[in-house]
Amino acid sequence: MSDRSPPVALVLGARGTLGLALGAELPRAGWRVAAALDREACDIRDVDRVRAAIRDARPSAVFNAAAYTNVDRAESEPDAAFAINALGAETVARAAAEAGAAVVHYSTDFVFDGTSEEPYDELDAPSPRGQYARSKAFGDRLVAAAAARHFILRVGGLYGEGGRNFPSTVAARLGAGQTVQAERDRLCSPTWAREVAAVSAALAITPHPGVYHCTSQGETSWEGFARAAAQALGVPPERVQGVPSASLPFKAPRPRRAVLDNRMLRLRGLDRLSSWQDALAAFIASQPTFNLG
């Protein structure tokens, strides 16, 4: 590859919120996406299929956005969560390393228990609670051991186009006239997948592998996030009902304060993430169907 050739990306988990964002943002950042594969095309638990996908794409970096993300269901099927989030992630990392490619792996703020009153940075030891969180924390360790050129990005409160979780759908639900219930006592930094994808594209061409926190600036409750969405849409604030977390039918424990400090991105000069308020406004503006007034 000549110095002027663009870096080549292979995206796994291409139909998910982050996978869709990567498929859109990587070309804008100068990458050539050789392939963007969903689970049907490449199940990361299948070693042979992963190796074949990497062999065919010949990527500079593999962006692994494939994950088991059902936090509550993981409590009743932990082996499935570990098979994808830990062993599957290791399979991708090892195959990428064998092919001479970097691996970009996505982790979560849930690897911390949320008891700290200060934001967690990359030097803080993980303290996962629940099977989903444990599977992701173990996956981070396996990826780091399997590939020297690893970029592990811990994200939190992720939302974006195509997402089915609360932050991805709350604006559409409010705009459609629905009333939403939102937790008032659990704090995080809601983060737009598009900004994570842009940082990923910039980070993966650097010679600085490691663990990076990658969330929007600031913190809020899910009630605060929903009220900001309502204000941006011009809908009545009473459509947002703040409720305690204990009133919701969660099966898995969740960190009370899942707030991260993007220390390593900041030190590398790559902390380009907006405040959560600005990112939310930009997300809503990017989706004209939300702007129903």
Protein backbone atom coordinates (compact mmCIF):
# COMPACT_ATOMS: atom_id res chain seq x y z
CA MET A 1 0.00 0.00 0.00
CA SER A 2 1.45 3.38 -1.01
CA ASP A 3 1.61 6.32 1.38
CA ARG A 4 -1.31 7.90 -0.46
CA SER A 5 -3.58 4.88 -0.29
CA PRO A 6 -6.43 5.23 2.20
CA PRO A 7 -6.51 2.95 5.22
CA VAL A 8 -8.85 0.01 4.77
CA ALA A 9 -11.57 -0.90 7.27
CA LEU A 10 -13.54 -4.04 7.97
CA VAL A 11 -16.65 -3.34 10.08
CA LEU A 12 -18.26 -6.16 12.04
CA GLY A 13 -21.69 -5.77 13.63
CA ALA A 14 -22.63 -3.51 10.75
CA ARG A 15 -26.38 -3.35 11.44
CA GLY A 16 -26.09 -2.13 15.01
CA THR A 17 -26.18 1.48 16.15
CA LEU A 18 -22.41 1.81 16.21
CA GLY A 19 -21.90 -0.32 13.11
CA LEU A 20 -24.19 1.94 11.09
CA ALA A 21 -22.34 5.01 12.37
CA LEU A 22 -18.98 3.49 11.45
CA GLY A 23 -20.20 2.67 7.96
CA ALA A 24 -21.14 6.31 7.48
CA GLU A 25 -18.27 8.05 9.27
CA LEU A 26 -15.23 6.03 8.20
CA PRO A 27 -15.44 7.11 4.53
CA ARG A 28 -15.83 10.74 5.64
CA ALA A 29 -12.60 10.36 7.58
CA GLY A 30 -10.71 9.01 4.58
CA TRP A 31 -11.06 5.29 5.17
CA ARG A 32 -12.07 2.80 2.51
CA VAL A 33 -14.61 0.33 3.91
CA ALA A 34 -13.79 -2.97 2.25
CA ALA A 35 -16.70 -4.74 3.92
CA ALA A 36 -19.38 -4.04 6.52
CA LEU A 37 -20.72 -7.36 7.76
CA ASP A 38 -23.65 -8.16 10.03
CA ARG A 39 -24.01 -11.24 12.20
CA GLU A 40 -25.49 -13.34 9.40
CA ALA A 41 -22.49 -12.61 7.18
CA CYS A 42 -19.91 -13.04 9.93
CA ASP A 43 -20.75 -14.42 13.36
CA ILE A 44 -17.74 -13.50 15.50
CA ARG A 45 -18.06 -16.80 17.39
CA ASP A 46 -17.06 -18.62 14.19
CA VAL A 47 -13.27 -18.59 13.96
CA ASP A 48 -13.15 -19.72 10.33
CA ARG A 49 -15.65 -17.09 9.16
CA VAL A 50 -13.84 -14.34 11.02
CA ARG A 51 -10.50 -15.32 9.51
CA ALA A 52 -12.02 -15.56 6.04
CA ALA A 53 -13.65 -12.13 6.34
CA ILE A 54 -10.36 -10.56 7.38
CA ARG A 55 -8.43 -12.41 4.68
CA ASP A 56 -10.85 -11.22 2.00
CA ALA A 57 -10.97 -7.59 3.19
CA ARG A 58 -7.23 -7.23 3.86
CA PRO A 59 -7.96 -4.39 6.29
CA SER A 60 -5.65 -1.96 8.02
CA ALA A 61 -7.99 -2.19 10.99
CA VAL A 62 -10.97 -4.30 12.04
CA PHE A 63 -13.70 -2.28 13.76
CA ASN A 64 -15.57 -4.80 15.89
CA ALA A 65 -18.98 -3.35 16.78
CA ALA A 66 -20.55 -6.81 17.21
CA ALA A 67 -21.73 -7.43 20.76
CA TYR A 68 -24.31 -9.02 23.00
CA THR A 69 -26.05 -5.94 24.43
CA ASN A 70 -29.18 -7.20 26.21
CA VAL A 71 -28.15 -6.31 29.76
CA ASP A 72 -31.11 -7.97 31.48
CA ARG A 73 -31.28 -11.12 29.37
CA ALA A 74 -27.60 -11.76 30.09
CA GLU A 75 -28.58 -12.55 33.68
CA SER A 76 -30.40 -15.67 32.50
CA GLU A 77 -28.06 -16.59 29.62
CA PRO A 78 -24.57 -15.57 30.73
CA ASP A 79 -22.84 -18.12 28.50
CA ALA A 80 -24.29 -16.44 25.42
CA ALA A 81 -23.04 -13.05 26.59
CA PHE A 82 -19.55 -14.39 27.32
CA ALA A 83 -19.41 -16.30 24.02
CA ILE A 84 -19.87 -13.07 22.06
CA ASN A 85 -18.51 -10.29 24.28
CA ALA A 86 -15.46 -12.18 25.53
CA LEU A 87 -14.54 -15.19 23.38
CA GLY A 88 -15.93 -13.71 20.15
CA ALA A 89 -14.08 -10.46 20.76
CA GLU A 90 -10.89 -12.44 21.39
CA THR A 91 -11.40 -14.34 18.13
CA VAL A 92 -11.63 -11.08 16.17
CA ALA A 93 -8.59 -9.59 17.90
CA ARG A 94 -6.45 -12.66 17.37
CA ALA A 95 -7.43 -13.00 13.72
CA ALA A 96 -6.74 -9.31 13.14
CA ALA A 97 -3.31 -9.65 14.72
CA GLU A 98 -2.50 -12.71 12.61
CA ALA A 99 -3.36 -10.68 9.49
CA GLY A 100 -1.27 -7.69 10.56
CA ALA A 101 -4.31 -5.49 11.18
CA ALA A 102 -5.21 -3.37 14.19
CA VAL A 103 -8.41 -4.11 16.09
CA VAL A 104 -10.83 -1.48 17.37
CA HIS A 105 -13.00 -2.97 20.09
CA TYR A 106 -15.91 -1.34 21.91
CA SER A 107 -16.43 -1.73 25.63
CA THR A 108 -18.79 -0.05 28.09
CA ASP A 109 -19.10 2.20 31.12
CA PHE A 110 -20.82 -0.76 32.80
CA VAL A 111 -17.40 -2.29 33.58
CA PHE A 112 -17.45 0.02 36.62
CA ASP A 113 -19.82 -0.40 39.56
CA GLY A 114 -20.82 3.28 39.64
CA THR A 115 -20.08 3.89 43.31
CA SER A 116 -17.43 6.57 42.71
CA GLU A 117 -18.42 10.21 43.00
CA GLU A 118 -15.65 11.07 40.52
CA PRO A 119 -15.58 10.15 36.82
CA TYR A 120 -13.71 6.93 36.08
CA ASP A 121 -10.57 7.23 33.98
CA GLU A 122 -8.53 4.55 32.25
CA LEU A 123 -6.38 3.94 35.34
CA ASP A 124 -9.35 2.87 37.44
CA ALA A 125 -9.71 -0.88 37.87
CA PRO A 126 -12.93 -2.37 36.46
CA SER A 127 -15.48 -3.49 39.03
CA PRO A 128 -18.30 -5.02 36.95
CA ARG A 129 -21.66 -6.04 38.37
CA GLY A 130 -23.99 -8.34 36.46
CA GLN A 131 -23.29 -10.84 33.71
CA TYR A 132 -23.28 -8.37 30.82
CA ALA A 133 -20.78 -6.12 32.59
CA ARG A 134 -18.58 -9.07 33.54
CA SER A 135 -18.58 -10.38 29.96
CA LYS A 136 -17.50 -7.00 28.62
CA ALA A 137 -14.76 -6.55 31.22
CA PHE A 138 -13.39 -10.02 30.45
CA GLY A 139 -13.56 -9.26 26.73
CA ASP A 140 -11.39 -6.18 27.24
CA ARG A 141 -8.73 -8.32 28.88
CA LEU A 142 -8.83 -10.97 26.17
CA VAL A 143 -8.63 -8.44 23.35
CA ALA A 144 -5.64 -6.69 24.92
CA ALA A 145 -3.84 -10.02 25.32
CA ALA A 146 -4.66 -11.25 21.80
CA ALA A 147 -3.59 -8.20 19.77
CA ALA A 148 -0.77 -5.79 20.48
CA ARG A 149 -2.37 -3.19 18.19
CA HIS A 150 -5.63 -2.89 20.08
CA PHE A 151 -7.77 0.21 20.56
CA ILE A 152 -10.37 -0.50 23.25
CA LEU A 153 -12.96 2.28 23.45
CA ARG A 154 -15.26 2.34 26.44
CA VAL A 155 -18.52 4.07 25.54
CA GLY A 156 -21.68 4.75 27.51
CA GLY A 157 -25.31 5.70 26.98
CA LEU A 158 -24.80 5.11 23.26
CA TYR A 159 -27.54 6.22 20.88
CA GLY A 160 -27.93 6.82 17.18
CA GLU A 161 -29.70 6.01 13.97
CA GLY A 162 -31.24 2.56 13.95
CA GLY A 163 -30.93 2.14 17.70
CA ARG A 164 -33.75 0.55 19.68
CA ASN A 165 -32.65 1.53 23.20
CA PHE A 166 -34.09 4.37 25.29
CA PRO A 167 -31.78 7.23 24.22
CA SER A 168 -32.06 6.28 20.53
CA THR A 169 -35.86 6.29 20.54
CA VAL A 170 -36.86 8.89 23.12
CA ALA A 171 -36.89 11.83 20.68
CA ALA A 172 -39.03 9.95 18.17
CA ARG A 173 -41.44 8.86 20.90
CA LEU A 174 -41.78 12.38 22.27
CA GLY A 175 -42.21 13.80 18.78
CA ALA A 176 -44.96 11.27 18.13
CA GLY A 177 -46.90 12.52 21.15
CA GLN A 178 -46.03 9.74 23.58
CA THR A 179 -45.30 10.20 27.26
CA VAL A 180 -42.03 8.60 28.39
CA GLN A 181 -40.79 7.44 31.77
CA ALA A 182 -37.13 8.16 32.47
CA GLU A 183 -34.89 7.35 35.42
CA ARG A 184 -34.15 10.33 37.60
CA ASP A 185 -31.49 8.77 39.82
CA ARG A 186 -29.00 7.07 37.47
CA LEU A 187 -26.31 9.24 35.92
CA CYS A 188 -24.27 8.77 32.76
CA SER A 189 -22.91 10.67 29.76
CA PRO A 190 -25.24 9.92 26.82
CA THR A 191 -23.10 9.66 23.71
CA TRP A 192 -23.96 9.93 20.01
CA ALA A 193 -22.59 6.96 18.04
CA ARG A 194 -21.58 9.24 15.17
CA GLU A 195 -19.05 11.03 17.38
CA VAL A 196 -17.66 7.73 18.67
CA ALA A 197 -17.21 6.56 15.07
CA ALA A 198 -15.38 9.77 14.13
CA VAL A 199 -12.98 9.42 17.07
CA SER A 200 -12.48 5.74 16.20
CA ALA A 201 -11.45 6.66 12.67
CA ALA A 202 -8.88 9.14 13.95
CA LEU A 203 -7.53 6.92 16.72
CA ALA A 204 -7.06 3.77 14.64
CA ILE A 205 -4.41 5.37 12.41
CA THR A 206 -2.25 6.41 15.35
CA PRO A 207 0.64 4.37 16.82
CA HIS A 208 -0.95 4.57 20.28
CA PRO A 209 -2.87 1.38 21.14
CA GLY A 210 -4.51 0.99 24.50
CA VAL A 211 -7.71 1.61 26.44
CA TYR A 212 -9.61 4.85 25.83
CA HIS A 213 -12.74 6.28 27.40
CA CYS A 214 -14.97 7.81 24.73
CA THR A 215 -18.13 9.52 25.98
CA SER A 216 -19.76 12.91 25.60
CA GLN A 217 -18.73 15.70 27.94
CA GLY A 218 -20.79 16.23 31.08
CA GLU A 219 -23.33 14.06 32.84
CA THR A 220 -27.07 13.85 33.32
CA SER A 221 -29.84 11.52 34.38
CA TRP A 222 -32.02 9.82 31.80
CA GLU A 223 -34.78 12.16 32.94
CA GLY A 224 -32.51 15.12 32.19
CA PHE A 225 -31.69 13.67 28.78
CA ALA A 226 -35.37 13.17 27.96
CA ARG A 227 -36.28 16.69 29.12
CA ALA A 228 -33.54 18.15 26.93
CA ALA A 229 -34.93 16.19 23.98
CA ALA A 230 -38.43 17.48 24.73
CA GLN A 231 -37.17 21.06 24.85
CA ALA A 232 -35.31 20.66 21.55
CA LEU A 233 -38.45 19.28 19.94
CA GLY A 234 -40.72 21.93 21.43
CA VAL A 235 -43.02 19.39 23.05
CA PRO A 236 -44.66 19.86 26.49
CA PRO A 237 -42.28 18.97 29.36
CA GLU A 238 -45.00 17.00 31.12
CA ARG A 239 -44.55 14.28 28.51
CA VAL A 240 -41.45 13.29 30.49
CA GLN A 241 -42.14 11.53 33.78
CA GLY A 242 -39.15 11.07 36.06
CA VAL A 243 -39.20 7.78 37.97
CA PRO A 244 -36.80 6.03 40.36
CA SER A 245 -34.72 3.22 38.90
CA ALA A 246 -36.12 0.83 41.50
CA SER A 247 -39.59 1.20 39.95
CA LEU A 248 -38.48 -0.22 36.60
CA PRO A 249 -38.41 -3.98 35.88
CA PHE A 250 -34.64 -4.36 35.55
CA LYS A 251 -33.12 -7.78 36.21
CA ALA A 252 -29.47 -6.78 36.06
CA PRO A 253 -27.70 -4.31 38.33
CA ARG A 254 -26.76 -1.01 36.73
CA PRO A 255 -24.14 1.50 37.88
CA ARG A 256 -25.68 4.43 39.72
CA ARG A 257 -23.12 6.87 38.31
CA ALA A 258 -21.58 5.61 35.07
CA VAL A 259 -19.55 8.69 34.20
CA LEU A 260 -16.21 8.40 32.40
CA ASP A 261 -13.26 10.76 32.04
CA ASN A 262 -11.78 10.69 28.51
CA ARG A 263 -8.31 11.23 29.96
CA MET A 264 -6.29 9.29 27.39
CA LEU A 265 -8.11 10.79 24.40
CA ARG A 266 -7.51 14.23 25.89
CA LEU A 267 -3.81 13.56 26.42
CA ARG A 268 -3.51 12.29 22.83
CA GLY A 269 -5.28 15.40 21.52
CA LEU A 270 -8.19 13.32 20.24
CA ASP A 271 -11.02 14.16 22.65
CA ARG A 272 -13.33 15.61 20.01
CA LEU A 273 -16.61 14.65 21.64
CA SER A 274 -19.23 17.34 22.21
CA SER A 275 -21.16 18.03 25.36
CA TRP A 276 -24.06 15.64 25.70
CA GLN A 277 -26.44 18.57 25.14
CA ASP A 278 -24.81 19.64 21.86
CA ALA A 279 -24.59 16.05 20.63
CA LEU A 280 -28.27 15.45 21.37
CA ALA A 281 -29.26 18.64 19.53
CA ALA A 282 -27.15 17.61 16.53
CA PHE A 283 -28.65 14.12 16.53
CA ILE A 284 -32.19 15.51 16.57
CA ALA A 285 -31.33 17.99 13.81
CA SER A 286 -29.95 15.13 11.70
CA GLN A 287 -33.31 13.33 11.85
CA PRO A 288 -35.96 15.59 10.26
CA THR A 289 -38.80 13.31 11.32
CA PHE A 290 -38.08 14.19 14.95
CA ASN A 291 -38.75 17.88 14.38
CA LEU A 292 -42.49 17.72 14.80
CA GLY A 293 -42.86 20.65 17.22
